[in-house]
Amino acid sequence: MSASTATTASASPSASVNALTRRARRRSAALGVAAWVVGIGFCLPALWMVLTSFHAEADAATNPPSLAAALTLDGYRSFFGGGGGPTPWPPLVNSLAASFFSTVLVLLLALPAAYALSIRRVRKWTDVMFFFLSTKMLPVVAGLLPVYLFAKNTGLLDNIWLLVLLHTSMNLPIAVWMMQSFLADVPVSIIEAAQVDGARLPTVLRRVVAPVAGPGIAATALICFIFSWNELLFARVLTGVVAGTAPVHLTTFVTSQGLFLAQLCAASVVVSLPVLVAGYAAQDKLVQGLSLGAVK
């Protein structure tokens, strides 16, 4: 009797461990399925936009929409100027120019500012950080009229360089905040060693700080590029025929004659591709940069 009791007692812990293991596996499987469902739910609008872009206008306008409708490239032909429509290349080039040059200017200004706020900290650097943060508290529409009057009086309306300056000023606070946290993890010893060897500040920033904080700088650049590429309000008000950007060009598909849904979806797919390609190409740097300093 005592032997069977001992056998039961010895088997009981292993049985409980197996039950806990099975329960943990079921919970993990359920969480995995839930994560896939949520992920697919987030992707459904984008997938639906891509599918609608391959439909004819008549099929895209049906309610409820038809999944089995015939596929066509008419939306993309119309977007790229087929049938006598406006060409999208000038707006795409304007968006690329505004995003690229504003991102370069942001990095050139944010790197020394973040260096002064993280490595060689200025006095009351926390007040400076709060000032940068406070500039994002003002609603964008509140500054629209003063900027418009300034652009009108200086002759900068419908000028791509005005957008470059505006995007730089809008993205600079975010870039300084991000790069300050990235540069805070740069070892001070290597900077001091470079200074002992006679390196001046520009050399230190270019050859020491920038390579070490490269993932963070890449993440900051990508985020600033995306924000600049997607900006619509200022571009819609301050530009016209010459400096119109891609988001402004998308609004031309909503006309008094109706909504050209298939063409709009095709245009949205094309306009989204540069950001998606840039994000995919820099995804490793983006992950490293956004997670830099998260684990000590």
Protein backbone atom coordinates (compact mmCIF):
# COMPACT_ATOMS: atom_id res chain seq x y z
CA MET A 1 0.00 0.00 0.00
CA SER A 2 2.76 2.35 0.84
CA ALA A 3 4.59 1.45 -2.40
CA SER A 4 1.56 2.29 -4.57
CA THR A 5 1.08 5.53 -2.68
CA ALA A 6 4.72 6.46 -3.36
CA THR A 7 4.30 5.60 -7.04
CA THR A 8 1.18 7.76 -7.28
CA ALA A 9 2.91 10.61 -5.49
CA SER A 10 5.90 10.40 -7.83
CA ALA A 11 3.68 10.29 -10.91
CA SER A 12 1.51 13.20 -9.79
CA PRO A 13 4.15 15.95 -10.23
CA SER A 14 5.05 14.77 -13.74
CA ALA A 15 1.37 14.65 -14.70
CA SER A 16 0.84 18.17 -13.41
CA VAL A 17 3.91 19.37 -15.31
CA ASN A 18 2.60 17.80 -18.51
CA ALA A 19 -0.79 19.41 -17.95
CA LEU A 20 0.83 22.81 -17.44
CA THR A 21 2.92 22.31 -20.58
CA ARG A 22 -0.16 21.43 -22.66
CA ARG A 23 -2.03 24.40 -21.22
CA ALA A 24 0.89 26.72 -22.04
CA ARG A 25 1.05 25.36 -25.60
CA ARG A 26 -2.69 25.87 -26.10
CA ARG A 27 -2.39 29.41 -24.75
CA SER A 28 0.56 30.13 -27.04
CA ALA A 29 -1.31 28.72 -30.04
CA ALA A 30 -4.38 30.80 -29.20
CA LEU A 31 -2.27 33.94 -28.89
CA GLY A 32 -0.58 33.15 -32.19
CA VAL A 33 -3.94 32.74 -33.95
CA ALA A 34 -5.20 35.98 -32.37
CA ALA A 35 -2.06 37.82 -33.49
CA TRP A 36 -2.54 36.56 -37.06
CA VAL A 37 -6.19 37.62 -37.03
CA VAL A 38 -5.30 41.11 -35.78
CA GLY A 39 -2.45 41.41 -38.30
CA ILE A 40 -4.69 40.38 -41.19
CA GLY A 41 -7.32 42.82 -39.93
CA PHE A 42 -4.79 45.66 -40.09
CA CYS A 43 -3.72 44.61 -43.60
CA LEU A 44 -7.24 44.17 -45.01
CA PRO A 45 -7.80 47.86 -45.93
CA ALA A 46 -4.50 47.96 -47.83
CA LEU A 47 -5.22 44.65 -49.55
CA TRP A 48 -8.71 45.86 -50.45
CA MET A 49 -7.21 49.05 -51.91
CA VAL A 50 -4.82 47.01 -54.07
CA LEU A 51 -7.66 44.76 -55.28
CA THR A 52 -9.92 47.74 -56.07
CA SER A 53 -7.12 49.37 -58.07
CA PHE A 54 -7.34 46.48 -60.55
CA HIS A 55 -11.10 46.87 -61.05
CA ALA A 56 -12.96 48.96 -63.58
CA GLU A 57 -14.71 52.07 -62.30
CA ALA A 58 -18.13 50.48 -62.68
CA ASP A 59 -17.09 47.41 -60.69
CA ALA A 60 -15.30 49.48 -58.03
CA ALA A 61 -18.43 51.58 -57.44
CA THR A 62 -20.79 48.64 -56.83
CA ASN A 63 -22.31 48.26 -53.37
CA PRO A 64 -21.64 45.73 -51.99
CA PRO A 65 -18.35 45.45 -53.91
CA SER A 66 -17.75 42.39 -56.05
CA LEU A 67 -14.71 40.27 -55.32
CA ALA A 68 -15.12 38.31 -58.56
CA ALA A 69 -15.07 41.36 -60.83
CA ALA A 70 -12.80 41.29 -63.86
CA LEU A 71 -9.29 42.64 -63.32
CA THR A 72 -7.91 45.43 -65.46
CA LEU A 73 -5.03 47.91 -65.56
CA ASP A 74 -7.19 50.84 -66.64
CA GLY A 75 -6.80 52.57 -63.28
CA TYR A 76 -3.01 52.53 -63.56
CA ARG A 77 -3.12 53.62 -67.21
CA SER A 78 -5.31 56.57 -66.25
CA PHE A 79 -3.03 57.47 -63.35
CA PHE A 80 0.06 57.52 -65.58
CA GLY A 81 -1.60 59.83 -68.10
CA GLY A 82 -3.30 57.32 -70.38
CA GLY A 83 -6.31 58.72 -72.18
CA GLY A 84 -5.10 62.31 -72.00
CA GLY A 85 -5.09 62.64 -68.24
CA PRO A 86 -2.53 64.67 -66.26
CA THR A 87 0.86 63.06 -65.78
CA PRO A 88 1.81 62.19 -62.18
CA TRP A 89 5.57 62.55 -62.61
CA PRO A 90 5.91 66.23 -61.57
CA PRO A 91 4.04 65.68 -58.26
CA LEU A 92 6.05 62.52 -57.56
CA VAL A 93 9.34 64.32 -58.27
CA ASN A 94 8.24 67.25 -56.07
CA SER A 95 7.41 64.89 -53.19
CA LEU A 96 10.73 63.11 -53.59
CA ALA A 97 12.64 66.40 -53.66
CA ALA A 98 10.83 67.86 -50.64
CA SER A 99 11.20 64.66 -48.61
CA PHE A 100 14.84 64.06 -49.51
CA PHE A 101 16.19 67.59 -49.02
CA SER A 102 14.18 68.22 -45.85
CA THR A 103 15.41 64.93 -44.37
CA VAL A 104 19.03 65.82 -45.16
CA LEU A 105 18.61 69.25 -43.54
CA VAL A 106 16.94 67.70 -40.49
CA LEU A 107 19.83 65.28 -39.98
CA LEU A 108 22.45 68.01 -40.42
CA LEU A 109 20.74 70.16 -37.78
CA ALA A 110 19.56 67.43 -35.40
CA LEU A 111 22.90 65.61 -35.04
CA PRO A 112 24.86 68.50 -33.42
CA ALA A 113 21.77 69.50 -31.42
CA ALA A 114 21.39 65.97 -30.05
CA TYR A 115 25.15 65.88 -29.33
CA ALA A 116 24.82 69.03 -27.22
CA LEU A 117 21.80 67.61 -25.39
CA SER A 118 23.10 64.11 -24.69
CA ILE A 119 26.91 63.89 -24.73
CA ARG A 120 28.12 67.44 -24.06
CA ARG A 121 25.01 68.57 -22.29
CA VAL A 122 24.26 72.28 -22.22
CA ARG A 123 22.89 73.98 -19.14
CA LYS A 124 19.19 73.36 -18.51
CA TRP A 125 19.10 70.82 -21.31
CA THR A 126 15.80 69.44 -20.02
CA ASP A 127 14.19 72.84 -20.62
CA VAL A 128 15.52 72.76 -24.15
CA MET A 129 14.02 69.31 -24.70
CA PHE A 130 10.68 70.52 -23.37
CA PHE A 131 10.83 73.49 -25.74
CA PHE A 132 11.31 71.15 -28.70
CA LEU A 133 8.38 69.08 -27.48
CA SER A 134 6.17 72.13 -26.96
CA THR A 135 6.54 73.13 -30.61
CA LYS A 136 4.50 70.04 -31.54
CA MET A 137 1.63 71.04 -29.23
CA LEU A 138 0.42 73.81 -31.56
CA PRO A 139 -2.19 72.54 -34.04
CA VAL A 140 -0.86 72.66 -37.56
CA VAL A 141 -3.91 74.50 -38.84
CA ALA A 142 -3.24 77.33 -36.35
CA GLY A 143 -0.01 78.18 -38.15
CA LEU A 144 -1.45 77.84 -41.63
CA LEU A 145 -2.62 81.45 -42.11
CA PRO A 146 0.62 83.13 -40.89
CA VAL A 147 2.69 80.83 -43.10
CA TYR A 148 0.43 81.53 -46.06
CA LEU A 149 0.68 85.30 -45.59
CA PHE A 150 4.47 85.03 -45.25
CA ALA A 151 4.72 82.95 -48.43
CA LYS A 152 2.43 85.35 -50.31
CA ASN A 153 4.34 88.47 -49.28
CA THR A 154 7.73 86.94 -50.07
CA GLY A 155 6.69 85.40 -53.39
CA LEU A 156 7.25 81.82 -52.22
CA LEU A 157 3.81 80.44 -53.05
CA ASP A 158 3.94 77.35 -55.24
CA ASN A 159 7.65 76.95 -54.48
CA ILE A 160 9.09 73.56 -53.57
CA TRP A 161 11.84 75.10 -51.42
CA LEU A 162 9.22 76.59 -49.12
CA LEU A 163 7.94 73.05 -48.50
CA VAL A 164 11.50 71.90 -47.84
CA LEU A 165 11.90 74.55 -45.12
CA LEU A 166 8.47 73.82 -43.64
CA HIS A 167 9.03 70.07 -43.53
CA THR A 168 12.45 70.64 -41.96
CA SER A 169 10.99 72.79 -39.19
CA MET A 170 8.13 70.34 -38.61
CA ASN A 171 10.36 67.25 -38.37
CA LEU A 172 13.30 68.79 -36.52
CA PRO A 173 11.82 68.50 -32.97
CA ILE A 174 10.99 64.83 -33.50
CA ALA A 175 14.45 64.16 -34.90
CA VAL A 176 16.18 65.89 -31.98
CA TRP A 177 14.14 63.90 -29.46
CA MET A 178 14.90 60.60 -31.18
CA MET A 179 18.58 61.22 -31.78
CA GLN A 180 19.10 62.53 -28.25
CA SER A 181 18.12 59.13 -26.88
CA PHE A 182 20.26 57.34 -29.47
CA LEU A 183 23.37 59.46 -28.84
CA ALA A 184 23.00 59.05 -25.10
CA ASP A 185 24.17 55.45 -25.55
CA VAL A 186 27.35 56.41 -27.42
CA PRO A 187 30.38 55.70 -25.14
CA VAL A 188 32.00 58.95 -24.07
CA SER A 189 35.39 57.25 -23.88
CA ILE A 190 35.72 56.85 -27.65
CA ILE A 191 34.82 60.51 -28.14
CA GLU A 192 37.43 61.58 -25.62
CA ALA A 193 40.00 59.33 -27.30
CA ALA A 194 39.27 60.97 -30.66
CA GLN A 195 39.59 64.42 -29.12
CA VAL A 196 42.93 63.46 -27.56
CA ASP A 197 44.11 62.50 -31.05
CA GLY A 198 43.24 66.00 -32.22
CA ALA A 199 39.83 65.43 -33.79
CA ARG A 200 37.60 68.50 -33.87
CA LEU A 201 33.84 68.49 -33.38
CA PRO A 202 32.88 68.04 -37.07
CA THR A 203 35.31 65.11 -37.33
CA VAL A 204 33.99 63.59 -34.10
CA LEU A 205 30.41 63.83 -35.35
CA ARG A 206 31.22 62.45 -38.79
CA ARG A 207 33.71 59.68 -37.97
CA VAL A 208 32.89 58.67 -34.42
CA VAL A 209 29.32 59.52 -33.42
CA ALA A 210 27.59 58.91 -36.75
CA PRO A 211 28.94 55.36 -37.30
CA VAL A 212 28.14 54.28 -33.73
CA ALA A 213 24.63 55.76 -33.81
CA GLY A 214 24.07 54.73 -37.44
CA PRO A 215 20.93 52.62 -36.82
CA GLY A 216 19.34 55.42 -34.82
CA ILE A 217 20.17 57.98 -37.49
CA ALA A 218 18.73 55.69 -40.17
CA ALA A 219 15.52 55.23 -38.18
CA THR A 220 15.22 58.98 -37.68
CA ALA A 221 15.82 59.64 -41.37
CA LEU A 222 13.21 57.11 -42.43
CA ILE A 223 10.56 58.50 -40.08
CA CYS A 224 11.26 62.08 -41.19
CA PHE A 225 11.09 60.99 -44.85
CA ILE A 226 7.71 59.30 -44.28
CA PHE A 227 6.29 62.32 -42.43
CA SER A 228 7.44 64.64 -45.19
CA TRP A 229 6.17 62.39 -47.97
CA ASN A 230 2.70 62.12 -46.38
CA GLU A 231 2.25 65.82 -45.51
CA LEU A 232 -0.86 67.22 -47.20
CA LEU A 233 -2.23 70.31 -45.45
CA PHE A 234 0.57 72.81 -46.15
CA ALA A 235 1.21 71.34 -49.58
CA ARG A 236 -2.47 71.65 -50.48
CA VAL A 237 -2.67 75.31 -49.44
CA LEU A 238 0.79 76.61 -50.41
CA THR A 239 1.34 74.88 -53.74
CA GLY A 240 -0.42 74.84 -57.06
CA VAL A 241 0.62 73.73 -60.52
CA VAL A 242 4.41 73.91 -60.20
CA ALA A 243 5.18 72.55 -56.71
CA GLY A 244 2.21 70.26 -56.12
CA THR A 245 3.14 67.02 -54.35
CA ALA A 246 1.87 63.46 -54.68
CA PRO A 247 -0.69 63.70 -51.83
CA VAL A 248 -2.08 66.85 -53.45
CA HIS A 249 -2.29 64.99 -56.75
CA LEU A 250 -4.40 62.30 -55.07
CA THR A 251 -7.07 64.86 -54.18
CA THR A 252 -7.65 65.55 -57.88
CA PHE A 253 -9.44 62.20 -58.20
CA VAL A 254 -12.25 63.52 -55.98
CA THR A 255 -14.11 65.81 -58.37
CA SER A 256 -17.55 67.34 -58.78
CA GLN A 257 -18.32 64.56 -61.26
CA GLY A 258 -17.87 61.95 -58.55
CA LEU A 259 -15.24 59.78 -56.92
CA PHE A 260 -13.05 57.84 -59.34
CA LEU A 261 -12.46 55.05 -56.85
CA ALA A 262 -10.43 52.67 -59.03
CA GLN A 263 -8.11 55.43 -60.21
CA LEU A 264 -7.77 56.76 -56.67
CA CYS A 265 -6.82 53.31 -55.35
CA ALA A 266 -4.30 52.84 -58.17
CA ALA A 267 -2.79 56.26 -57.44
CA SER A 268 -2.66 55.47 -53.70
CA VAL A 269 -0.82 52.21 -54.38
CA VAL A 270 1.76 53.95 -56.57
CA VAL A 271 2.26 56.82 -54.11
CA SER A 272 2.68 54.37 -51.22
CA LEU A 273 5.33 52.29 -52.99
CA PRO A 274 8.36 54.59 -52.37
CA VAL A 275 7.72 54.63 -48.62
CA LEU A 276 7.16 50.86 -48.55
CA VAL A 277 10.34 50.22 -50.53
CA ALA A 278 12.37 52.54 -48.30
CA GLY A 279 10.95 50.92 -45.17
CA TYR A 280 11.65 47.42 -46.46
CA ALA A 281 15.20 48.30 -47.50
CA ALA A 282 15.98 49.89 -44.11
CA GLN A 283 13.92 47.59 -41.90
CA ASP A 284 16.95 46.14 -40.09
CA LYS A 285 18.30 49.62 -39.36
CA LEU A 286 14.85 50.77 -38.32
CA VAL A 287 14.42 47.93 -35.83
CA GLN A 288 17.91 48.44 -34.43
CA GLY A 289 17.41 52.18 -34.17
CA LEU A 290 14.01 52.06 -32.50
CA SER A 291 15.20 49.42 -30.03
CA LEU A 292 18.55 51.15 -29.33
CA GLY A 293 18.89 51.70 -25.61
CA ALA A 294 15.78 49.65 -24.78
CA VAL A 295 17.82 46.88 -23.15
CA LYS A 296 20.59 47.83 -20.76
